[in-house]
Amino acid sequence: MSGPRFFNTLTKAKDALEAQPGFDRARVRMYVCGPTVYDFAHIGNARPVIVFDVLFRLLRHLYGPAHVVYVRNITDIDDKINARAAEIAAARNIDVEAARVEITQATARQYLEDVTALGCLPPTHTPRATDYVREMVAMIATLVADGFAYAADGHVLFEVARKADYGKLARRSLDEMLAGARVDVAPYKRNAMDFVLWKPSDDKTPGWDSPWGRGRPGWHIECSAMAAALLGETFDIHGGGIDLVFPHHENEIAQSEGAHHGYALARIWMHNGFLNVEGEKMSKSLGNFVTINELLKDWPGEVLRFNMLRTHYRQPMDWTVAGMNESWKTLEKWYAAAEPIADPRIGDAFLAALCDDLNTPQAIAELHKADARELAGGLGLLGFSNVQLRIAQKVALDTAWIADAIAARNAARKARDFKESDRLRDELLAKGIVLKDGPDGTTWEVKR
């Protein structure tokens, strides 16, 4: 089997990973943009986490776990974080920096718990932006010294006019990008599209010392500095959501290539598509803004994971309850078949599908045709295990609700309201709960 090929947003073609100049099978490197930790992650945030976890697993299978380095950062410096910290600091009369640390630590911990429940492996490195401010300052200083950036009014900005191919990832001209972007047309900018590398901080805003005064880094420079520190100037795959192509990833390319004498930041750029909920764009105003944490209270994490993988990662996805129920039924059927297998194997057709731009829908189709050994092996490579599902089911079930439903059913039976009794039994069954009536009362178990 030839090596994997992935759709490269930069070239608009499926590029062979192993054919990229400088590719090293002994050290395959991937960077994926992680969360900004000021609130619970929503289900849209789960898509890149799951997609690139499958890619991580595939690369480990192909090249060996010791030869794959995966970095997914945590952004704990951000103006939204600072605004939330300022509110908490004022309400509790504490220091804003202390509030920032409290918010980011708690939110990052919850995020890691949530994505672990989705069956995701921990990345090789999970750097926090605050630990790499020195590297950010050094990169900015290089850009200033080489004429790619300038200091103005306490800020340092990247001058996009100095990068002749700026816009090559988004494939848009400066005029097109300016027309479609929300940019801060500040008086200290030479060009409206110039973006911030460093911004000043007042006494009440978290900040760090720098040659340009006390301040904080812009969002884009954070990822460039962390990626360079942990993966080198050029690495193999950079991933993230399609919404990050512009401006975030475009700006990463500009500043990294400017600081690294034109060397490419990443050989292949991979982006997952948008996610809607029940046919509509997710938004708090529509009331369909759903967090991973909320979904995990009602569904096993592996069902969420499988539902995500049924759509090709580059395609838009519609998240529905009907889809979740179908995913649960499929997994239950497969686990029953794969459970006794002690010597699983990976099927050639299944592996070929994953190596063809991470085509999980085709890989799943191959599992429907696979024998028990290949089914077990394929499920393992996609990140599923029967034991994890059973634990997730037990954790996800609201035992208090089950007890109340059983009590209501018993009351209905005593009143000889068998229609209501049957309705409650069927409602529990729809949730995967099987009731057993015996001389000692009613017990329940998870449907197998």
Protein backbone atom coordinates (compact mmCIF):
# COMPACT_ATOMS: atom_id res chain seq x y z
CA MET A 1 0.00 0.00 0.00
CA SER A 2 1.29 3.47 -0.89
CA GLY A 3 1.59 6.12 1.78
CA PRO A 4 -1.32 8.33 2.87
CA ARG A 5 -2.63 11.23 0.78
CA PHE A 6 -4.46 14.18 2.29
CA PHE A 7 -6.27 17.15 0.78
CA ASN A 8 -3.99 20.15 1.14
CA THR A 9 -5.84 23.46 1.49
CA LEU A 10 -2.71 25.22 0.20
CA THR A 11 -2.49 23.31 -3.10
CA LYS A 12 -6.19 22.35 -3.44
CA ALA A 13 -5.14 18.77 -4.21
CA LYS A 14 -4.62 15.46 -2.44
CA ASP A 15 -0.91 15.46 -1.68
CA ALA A 16 1.11 12.37 -0.77
CA LEU A 17 2.55 12.89 2.69
CA GLU A 18 5.68 10.87 2.00
CA ALA A 19 6.39 12.78 -1.24
CA GLN A 20 6.74 16.12 0.56
CA PRO A 21 10.30 17.53 0.54
CA GLY A 22 12.00 16.87 3.85
CA PHE A 23 9.48 14.29 5.07
CA ASP A 24 11.02 11.98 7.67
CA ARG A 25 9.29 8.70 8.56
CA ALA A 26 11.21 8.68 11.84
CA ARG A 27 9.66 11.96 13.01
CA VAL A 28 6.20 12.77 11.64
CA ARG A 29 5.00 16.08 13.09
CA MET A 30 1.49 17.56 13.37
CA TYR A 31 0.12 20.74 14.93
CA VAL A 32 -3.59 21.40 15.54
CA CYS A 33 -5.02 24.63 16.93
CA GLY A 34 -6.59 23.99 20.32
CA PRO A 35 -9.17 25.80 22.47
CA THR A 36 -9.28 29.29 23.89
CA VAL A 37 -10.12 28.42 27.49
CA TYR A 38 -12.69 30.82 28.86
CA ASP A 39 -15.88 28.75 28.50
CA PHE A 40 -17.02 25.16 27.88
CA ALA A 41 -16.21 23.84 24.40
CA HIS A 42 -19.21 23.37 22.11
CA ILE A 43 -19.90 20.39 19.85
CA GLY A 44 -18.38 22.23 16.87
CA ASN A 45 -15.10 22.41 18.80
CA ALA A 46 -15.23 18.64 19.19
CA ARG A 47 -15.03 18.03 15.45
CA PRO A 48 -11.33 18.91 14.91
CA VAL A 49 -10.41 17.18 18.17
CA ILE A 50 -11.96 13.90 17.01
CA VAL A 51 -10.89 14.20 13.36
CA PHE A 52 -7.25 14.83 14.15
CA ASP A 53 -7.24 12.21 16.90
CA VAL A 54 -8.13 9.65 14.21
CA LEU A 55 -5.34 11.07 12.04
CA PHE A 56 -2.95 10.81 15.01
CA ARG A 57 -3.93 7.18 15.48
CA LEU A 58 -3.51 6.47 11.75
CA LEU A 59 -0.04 8.04 11.66
CA ARG A 60 0.98 6.06 14.76
CA HIS A 61 -0.23 2.87 13.07
CA LEU A 62 1.71 3.65 9.87
CA TYR A 63 4.97 4.96 11.33
CA GLY A 64 5.03 3.71 14.92
CA PRO A 65 3.90 5.55 18.09
CA ALA A 66 7.45 6.64 18.92
CA HIS A 67 7.81 8.39 15.55
CA VAL A 68 4.78 10.69 15.62
CA VAL A 69 4.72 14.03 17.46
CA TYR A 70 1.33 15.70 17.89
CA VAL A 71 0.97 19.19 19.35
CA ARG A 72 -2.41 20.71 20.28
CA ASN A 73 -2.11 24.01 22.09
CA ILE A 74 -4.18 25.74 24.75
CA THR A 75 -4.73 29.48 24.29
CA ASP A 76 -4.75 31.02 27.74
CA ILE A 77 -3.92 34.59 26.63
CA ASP A 78 -6.83 36.27 24.89
CA ASP A 79 -8.95 39.41 25.19
CA LYS A 80 -12.13 37.36 25.79
CA ILE A 81 -10.37 35.64 28.67
CA ASN A 82 -9.22 39.00 30.01
CA ALA A 83 -12.75 40.43 29.81
CA ARG A 84 -14.16 37.47 31.73
CA ALA A 85 -11.34 37.73 34.28
CA ALA A 86 -12.02 41.44 34.78
CA GLU A 87 -15.68 40.71 35.59
CA ILE A 88 -14.75 38.05 38.13
CA ALA A 89 -12.00 40.20 39.65
CA ALA A 90 -14.41 43.11 40.14
CA ALA A 91 -17.12 40.90 41.63
CA ARG A 92 -14.78 39.14 44.06
CA ASN A 93 -12.27 41.96 44.63
CA ILE A 94 -9.30 39.90 43.47
CA ASP A 95 -6.43 40.54 41.05
CA VAL A 96 -7.30 40.24 37.35
CA GLU A 97 -4.29 38.01 36.66
CA ALA A 98 -5.33 35.70 39.49
CA ALA A 99 -8.83 35.53 37.98
CA ARG A 100 -7.35 34.80 34.53
CA VAL A 101 -5.32 31.91 35.91
CA GLU A 102 -8.34 30.55 37.78
CA ILE A 103 -10.58 30.69 34.68
CA THR A 104 -8.08 29.17 32.28
CA GLN A 105 -6.99 26.37 34.58
CA ALA A 106 -10.56 25.31 35.38
CA THR A 107 -11.73 25.56 31.76
CA ALA A 108 -8.68 23.73 30.39
CA ARG A 109 -9.19 20.94 32.92
CA GLN A 110 -12.84 20.59 31.90
CA TYR A 111 -11.90 20.59 28.21
CA LEU A 112 -9.36 17.81 28.69
CA GLU A 113 -11.89 15.75 30.67
CA ASP A 114 -14.50 16.23 27.93
CA VAL A 115 -12.25 15.26 25.01
CA THR A 116 -10.95 12.25 26.95
CA ALA A 117 -14.57 11.13 27.32
CA LEU A 118 -14.78 11.37 23.51
CA GLY A 119 -12.08 8.71 23.30
CA CYS A 120 -9.26 11.05 22.24
CA LEU A 121 -5.64 10.23 23.03
CA PRO A 122 -3.60 12.91 24.78
CA PRO A 123 -1.36 14.72 22.28
CA THR A 124 2.39 14.40 22.63
CA HIS A 125 2.50 18.02 23.81
CA THR A 126 -0.27 20.33 25.06
CA PRO A 127 1.51 23.67 25.39
CA ARG A 128 -0.09 26.69 27.04
CA ALA A 129 0.55 30.05 25.44
CA THR A 130 1.64 31.62 28.74
CA ASP A 131 4.61 29.25 28.87
CA TYR A 132 5.95 30.50 25.50
CA VAL A 133 5.77 34.29 25.78
CA ARG A 134 9.57 34.53 25.65
CA GLU A 135 9.60 32.64 22.34
CA MET A 136 6.84 34.91 21.01
CA VAL A 137 8.80 38.04 21.91
CA ALA A 138 11.90 36.60 20.22
CA MET A 139 9.98 35.82 17.01
CA ILE A 140 8.44 39.28 16.95
CA ALA A 141 11.88 40.85 17.43
CA THR A 142 13.18 38.88 14.43
CA LEU A 143 10.28 40.09 12.29
CA VAL A 144 10.94 43.70 13.29
CA ALA A 145 14.68 43.38 12.63
CA ASP A 146 14.06 41.85 9.18
CA GLY A 147 11.57 44.52 8.16
CA PHE A 148 8.40 42.41 8.24
CA ALA A 149 6.97 44.18 11.29
CA TYR A 150 6.95 47.64 12.84
CA ALA A 151 6.27 49.18 16.24
CA ALA A 152 3.63 51.88 16.55
CA ASP A 153 1.82 53.39 19.53
CA GLY A 154 2.80 50.56 21.87
CA HIS A 155 1.79 47.92 19.33
CA VAL A 156 3.86 45.76 17.00
CA LEU A 157 2.21 44.91 13.69
CA PHE A 158 3.02 42.62 10.78
CA GLU A 159 3.13 44.58 7.54
CA VAL A 160 1.29 42.39 5.04
CA ALA A 161 2.56 44.40 2.06
CA ARG A 162 6.03 42.99 2.79
CA LYS A 163 4.76 39.45 2.08
CA ALA A 164 4.18 39.26 -1.67
CA ASP A 165 2.25 35.98 -1.48
CA TYR A 166 0.04 36.93 1.47
CA GLY A 167 -3.34 35.32 0.86
CA LYS A 168 -2.00 32.15 -0.76
CA LEU A 169 -3.79 29.83 1.70
CA ALA A 170 -7.17 31.59 1.45
CA ARG A 171 -6.52 32.22 -2.27
CA ARG A 172 -7.78 35.77 -2.06
CA SER A 173 -6.22 39.11 -2.91
CA LEU A 174 -5.65 41.81 -0.31
CA ASP A 175 -8.66 43.75 -1.61
CA GLU A 176 -10.89 40.65 -1.38
CA MET A 177 -9.70 39.88 2.13
CA LEU A 178 -10.19 43.47 3.25
CA ALA A 179 -13.74 43.52 1.85
CA GLY A 180 -14.72 40.35 3.70
CA ALA A 181 -12.88 40.87 6.97
CA ARG A 182 -13.64 42.68 10.19
CA VAL A 183 -10.47 44.64 10.69
CA ASP A 184 -9.51 47.30 13.16
CA VAL A 185 -8.62 50.34 11.04
CA ALA A 186 -6.48 51.94 13.73
CA PRO A 187 -4.54 55.17 13.05
CA TYR A 188 -1.21 53.51 13.90
CA LYS A 189 -1.56 50.94 11.09
CA ARG A 190 0.27 51.45 7.80
CA ASN A 191 -2.28 49.24 6.07
CA ALA A 192 -5.75 48.20 7.22
CA MET A 193 -4.82 44.51 6.82
CA ASP A 194 -1.71 44.73 9.02
CA PHE A 195 -2.27 42.47 12.02
CA VAL A 196 -1.19 42.72 15.65
CA LEU A 197 1.78 40.75 16.96
CA TRP A 198 2.00 42.58 20.29
CA LYS A 199 -0.40 44.94 22.06
CA PRO A 200 0.03 47.11 25.17
CA SER A 201 -1.46 46.19 28.54
CA ASP A 202 -2.51 48.68 31.19
CA ASP A 203 -2.05 48.06 34.91
CA LYS A 204 -5.36 46.17 35.15
CA THR A 205 -4.73 43.88 32.16
CA PRO A 206 -2.49 40.80 32.26
CA GLY A 207 0.82 41.55 30.55
CA TRP A 208 4.50 40.70 30.17
CA ASP A 209 7.65 42.75 29.72
CA SER A 210 8.98 43.22 26.18
CA PRO A 211 11.23 45.58 24.17
CA TRP A 212 8.06 47.49 23.23
CA GLY A 213 6.77 47.87 26.76
CA ARG A 214 4.50 45.84 28.98
CA GLY A 215 1.92 44.03 26.89
CA ARG A 216 0.60 40.75 25.58
CA PRO A 217 0.90 38.79 22.33
CA GLY A 218 -1.65 38.72 19.53
CA TRP A 219 -3.46 35.45 18.91
CA HIS A 220 -1.70 34.49 15.66
CA ILE A 221 1.89 34.73 16.96
CA GLU A 222 1.09 32.33 19.78
CA CYS A 223 0.63 29.30 17.52
CA SER A 224 3.65 30.16 15.36
CA ALA A 225 5.94 30.38 18.38
CA MET A 226 4.67 27.20 20.06
CA ALA A 227 4.83 25.20 16.82
CA ALA A 228 8.38 26.35 16.10
CA ALA A 229 9.53 25.56 19.64
CA LEU A 230 8.10 22.02 19.64
CA LEU A 231 8.16 20.96 15.98
CA GLY A 232 10.79 23.09 14.26
CA GLU A 233 10.55 25.64 11.45
CA THR A 234 8.78 23.26 9.04
CA PHE A 235 6.56 20.33 10.03
CA ASP A 236 4.30 17.90 8.21
CA ILE A 237 0.65 18.67 8.93
CA HIS A 238 -1.15 21.70 10.30
CA GLY A 239 -4.82 21.12 11.14
CA GLY A 240 -7.84 23.02 12.33
CA GLY A 241 -11.37 24.10 11.45
CA ILE A 242 -12.18 25.69 8.09
CA ASP A 243 -13.02 28.93 9.92
CA LEU A 244 -9.33 29.30 10.81
CA VAL A 245 -8.05 29.48 7.21
CA PHE A 246 -8.37 33.26 7.29
CA PRO A 247 -7.14 35.16 9.11
CA HIS A 248 -5.51 32.86 11.66
CA HIS A 249 -3.70 30.34 9.49
CA GLU A 250 -2.96 32.88 6.76
CA ASN A 251 -1.28 35.06 9.37
CA GLU A 252 0.57 32.12 10.87
CA ILE A 253 2.10 31.42 7.46
CA ALA A 254 3.08 35.05 6.92
CA GLN A 255 4.81 35.57 10.25
CA SER A 256 6.44 32.11 10.40
CA GLU A 257 7.85 32.31 6.89
CA GLY A 258 8.98 35.87 7.58
CA ALA A 259 10.80 34.82 10.74
CA HIS A 260 12.24 31.64 9.18
CA HIS A 261 13.77 33.02 5.97
CA GLY A 262 10.92 31.85 3.76
CA TYR A 263 10.85 28.20 4.86
CA ALA A 264 7.32 26.74 4.76
CA LEU A 265 5.47 26.45 8.06
CA ALA A 266 3.66 23.21 7.18
CA ARG A 267 3.85 20.84 4.24
CA ILE A 268 0.14 19.96 4.27
CA TRP A 269 -2.75 22.06 5.61
CA MET A 270 -5.89 20.13 6.61
CA HIS A 271 -9.21 21.74 7.58
CA ASN A 272 -12.46 20.20 8.76
CA GLY A 273 -15.82 21.59 7.63
CA PHE A 274 -18.49 23.48 9.56
CA LEU A 275 -21.03 21.82 11.85
CA ASN A 276 -24.74 22.69 12.07
CA VAL A 277 -27.27 21.47 14.64
CA GLU A 278 -30.56 20.06 13.33
CA GLY A 279 -30.11 21.91 10.05
CA GLU A 280 -29.29 25.32 11.50
CA LYS A 281 -26.11 27.20 12.27
CA MET A 282 -25.31 26.84 15.96
CA SER A 283 -25.86 30.03 17.95
CA LYS A 284 -26.92 31.00 21.45
CA SER A 285 -29.70 33.20 20.06
CA LEU A 286 -31.32 30.16 18.39
CA GLY A 287 -31.03 28.12 21.56
CA ASN A 288 -29.11 25.34 19.80
CA PHE A 289 -25.69 26.10 21.25
CA VAL A 290 -24.70 22.73 22.73
CA THR A 291 -21.53 22.04 24.70
CA ILE A 292 -19.63 18.76 24.71
CA ASN A 293 -20.16 18.58 28.45
CA GLU A 294 -23.95 18.87 28.10
CA LEU A 295 -24.08 16.13 25.45
CA LEU A 296 -21.97 13.81 27.57
CA LYS A 297 -24.67 13.90 30.25
CA ASP A 298 -27.12 12.26 27.84
CA TRP A 299 -24.95 10.23 25.48
CA PRO A 300 -21.90 7.95 25.76
CA GLY A 301 -18.79 9.70 24.50
CA GLU A 302 -18.12 7.00 21.93
CA VAL A 303 -21.54 7.55 20.37
CA LEU A 304 -20.69 11.25 19.94
CA ARG A 305 -17.38 10.22 18.41
CA PHE A 306 -18.89 7.72 15.97
CA ASN A 307 -21.61 10.15 14.92
CA MET A 308 -18.90 12.69 14.06
CA LEU A 309 -16.94 10.22 11.92
CA ARG A 310 -19.90 9.20 9.77
CA THR A 311 -19.43 12.43 7.76
CA HIS A 312 -16.20 13.07 5.82
CA TYR A 313 -14.16 15.60 7.77
CA ARG A 314 -14.03 18.16 4.93
CA GLN A 315 -17.80 18.17 4.37
CA PRO A 316 -20.33 20.27 6.30
CA MET A 317 -22.02 18.19 8.99
CA ASP A 318 -25.53 18.28 10.40
CA TRP A 319 -25.67 17.12 14.03
CA THR A 320 -29.05 15.51 14.78
CA VAL A 321 -30.62 13.41 17.51
CA ALA A 322 -31.74 10.93 14.86
CA GLY A 323 -28.14 10.55 13.75
CA MET A 324 -27.03 9.98 17.33
CA ASN A 325 -29.60 7.22 17.82
CA GLU A 326 -28.51 5.54 14.59
CA SER A 327 -24.86 5.77 15.65
CA TRP A 328 -25.64 4.19 19.02
CA LYS A 329 -27.50 1.28 17.42
CA THR A 330 -24.66 0.62 14.98
CA LEU A 331 -22.01 0.65 17.69
CA GLU A 332 -24.03 -1.67 19.91
CA LYS A 333 -24.39 -4.17 17.06
CA TRP A 334 -20.69 -3.99 16.23
CA TYR A 335 -19.53 -4.31 19.81
CA ALA A 336 -21.58 -7.44 20.23
CA ALA A 337 -19.80 -8.94 17.22
CA ALA A 338 -16.31 -7.69 18.04
CA GLU A 339 -16.32 -8.33 21.81
CA PRO A 340 -14.88 -11.87 21.84
CA ILE A 341 -12.04 -11.15 19.36
CA ALA A 342 -8.62 -11.55 20.98
CA ASP A 343 -6.54 -11.13 17.80
CA PRO A 344 -7.98 -8.22 15.80
CA ARG A 345 -6.44 -7.12 12.49
CA ILE A 346 -6.71 -4.08 10.25
CA GLY A 347 -8.38 -4.78 6.92
CA ASP A 348 -6.60 -3.56 3.77
CA ALA A 349 -9.69 -1.83 2.34
CA PHE A 350 -10.39 -0.15 5.67
CA LEU A 351 -6.82 1.14 5.94
CA ALA A 352 -6.82 2.29 2.32
CA ALA A 353 -9.92 4.38 3.00
CA LEU A 354 -8.26 6.17 5.92
CA CYS A 355 -5.09 6.72 3.87
CA ASP A 356 -7.25 8.35 1.18
CA ASP A 357 -7.75 11.74 2.83
CA LEU A 358 -9.02 10.22 6.07
CA ASN A 359 -12.20 8.93 4.44
CA THR A 360 -13.97 7.71 7.58
CA PRO A 361 -17.38 7.19 5.88
CA GLN A 362 -15.73 4.76 3.44
CA ALA A 363 -13.80 3.14 6.28
CA ILE A 364 -17.08 2.65 8.16
CA ALA A 365 -18.65 1.16 5.03
CA GLU A 366 -15.77 -1.33 4.90
CA LEU A 367 -16.45 -2.27 8.53
CA HIS A 368 -20.02 -3.18 7.59
CA LYS A 369 -18.51 -5.76 5.19
CA ALA A 370 -15.69 -6.92 7.49
CA ASP A 371 -15.36 -10.16 9.40
CA ALA A 372 -15.21 -10.07 13.19
CA ARG A 373 -11.42 -9.78 13.37
CA GLU A 374 -11.27 -6.86 10.94
CA LEU A 375 -14.27 -5.21 12.62
CA ALA A 376 -12.51 -5.34 15.98
CA GLY A 377 -9.26 -4.03 14.52
CA GLY A 378 -10.97 -1.23 12.62
CA LEU A 379 -12.93 -0.10 15.65
CA GLY A 380 -9.72 -0.03 17.65
CA LEU A 381 -7.93 2.13 15.09
CA LEU A 382 -10.86 4.56 14.99
CA GLY A 383 -10.61 4.88 18.78
CA PHE A 384 -13.44 2.68 20.06
CA SER A 385 -13.42 0.01 22.74
CA ASN A 386 -16.30 -2.00 24.18
CA VAL A 387 -15.14 -1.40 27.73
CA GLN A 388 -15.07 2.37 27.23
CA LEU A 389 -18.63 2.32 25.89
CA ARG A 390 -20.00 0.36 28.84
CA ILE A 391 -18.33 2.70 31.33
CA ALA A 392 -19.54 5.74 29.39
CA GLN A 393 -23.09 4.40 29.35
CA LYS A 394 -23.12 3.89 33.10
CA VAL A 395 -21.70 7.35 33.74
CA ALA A 396 -23.97 9.08 31.24
CA LEU A 397 -27.20 7.62 32.60
CA ASP A 398 -29.14 9.79 35.01
CA THR A 399 -29.80 7.23 37.71
CA ALA A 400 -32.06 9.59 39.64
CA TRP A 401 -34.28 10.00 36.56
CA ILE A 402 -34.38 6.22 36.11
CA ALA A 403 -35.43 5.73 39.73
CA ASP A 404 -38.17 8.35 39.38
CA ALA A 405 -39.43 6.75 36.14
CA ILE A 406 -39.53 3.30 37.77
CA ALA A 407 -41.42 4.71 40.77
CA ALA A 408 -43.92 6.40 38.44
CA ARG A 409 -44.36 3.16 36.49
CA ASN A 410 -44.95 1.18 39.67
CA ALA A 411 -47.54 3.75 40.76
CA ALA A 412 -49.27 3.46 37.37
CA ARG A 413 -49.35 -0.32 37.62
CA LYS A 414 -50.81 -0.14 41.12
CA ALA A 415 -53.52 2.17 39.78
CA ARG A 416 -54.07 -0.29 36.90
CA ASP A 417 -53.13 2.45 34.41
CA PHE A 418 -51.34 0.00 32.14
CA LYS A 419 -51.20 2.42 29.23
CA GLU A 420 -49.09 4.81 31.29
CA SER A 421 -47.08 1.92 32.72
CA ASP A 422 -46.24 0.69 29.22
CA ARG A 423 -45.39 4.23 28.08
CA LEU A 424 -42.86 4.65 30.89
CA ARG A 425 -41.35 1.22 30.19
CA ASP A 426 -40.98 2.09 26.49
CA GLU A 427 -39.49 5.50 27.33
CA LEU A 428 -36.83 3.80 29.44
CA LEU A 429 -36.19 1.23 26.74
CA ALA A 430 -35.67 4.00 24.19
CA LYS A 431 -32.88 5.27 26.45
CA GLY A 432 -31.31 1.81 26.50
CA ILE A 433 -32.71 0.79 29.91
CA VAL A 434 -34.24 -2.68 30.27
CA LEU A 435 -36.54 -3.21 33.27
CA LYS A 436 -36.78 -6.52 35.11
CA ASP A 437 -39.72 -7.14 37.45
CA GLY A 438 -39.13 -9.67 40.22
CA PRO A 439 -40.34 -10.64 43.68
CA ASP A 440 -37.97 -8.12 45.22
CA GLY A 441 -39.13 -5.25 43.01
CA THR A 442 -38.03 -3.73 39.71
CA THR A 443 -34.37 -3.60 38.67
CA TRP A 444 -32.76 -2.25 35.50
CA GLU A 445 -29.73 -2.79 33.29
CA VAL A 446 -28.21 -1.29 30.15
CA LYS A 447 -29.51 -2.96 26.99
CA ARG A 448 -26.87 -5.05 25.21
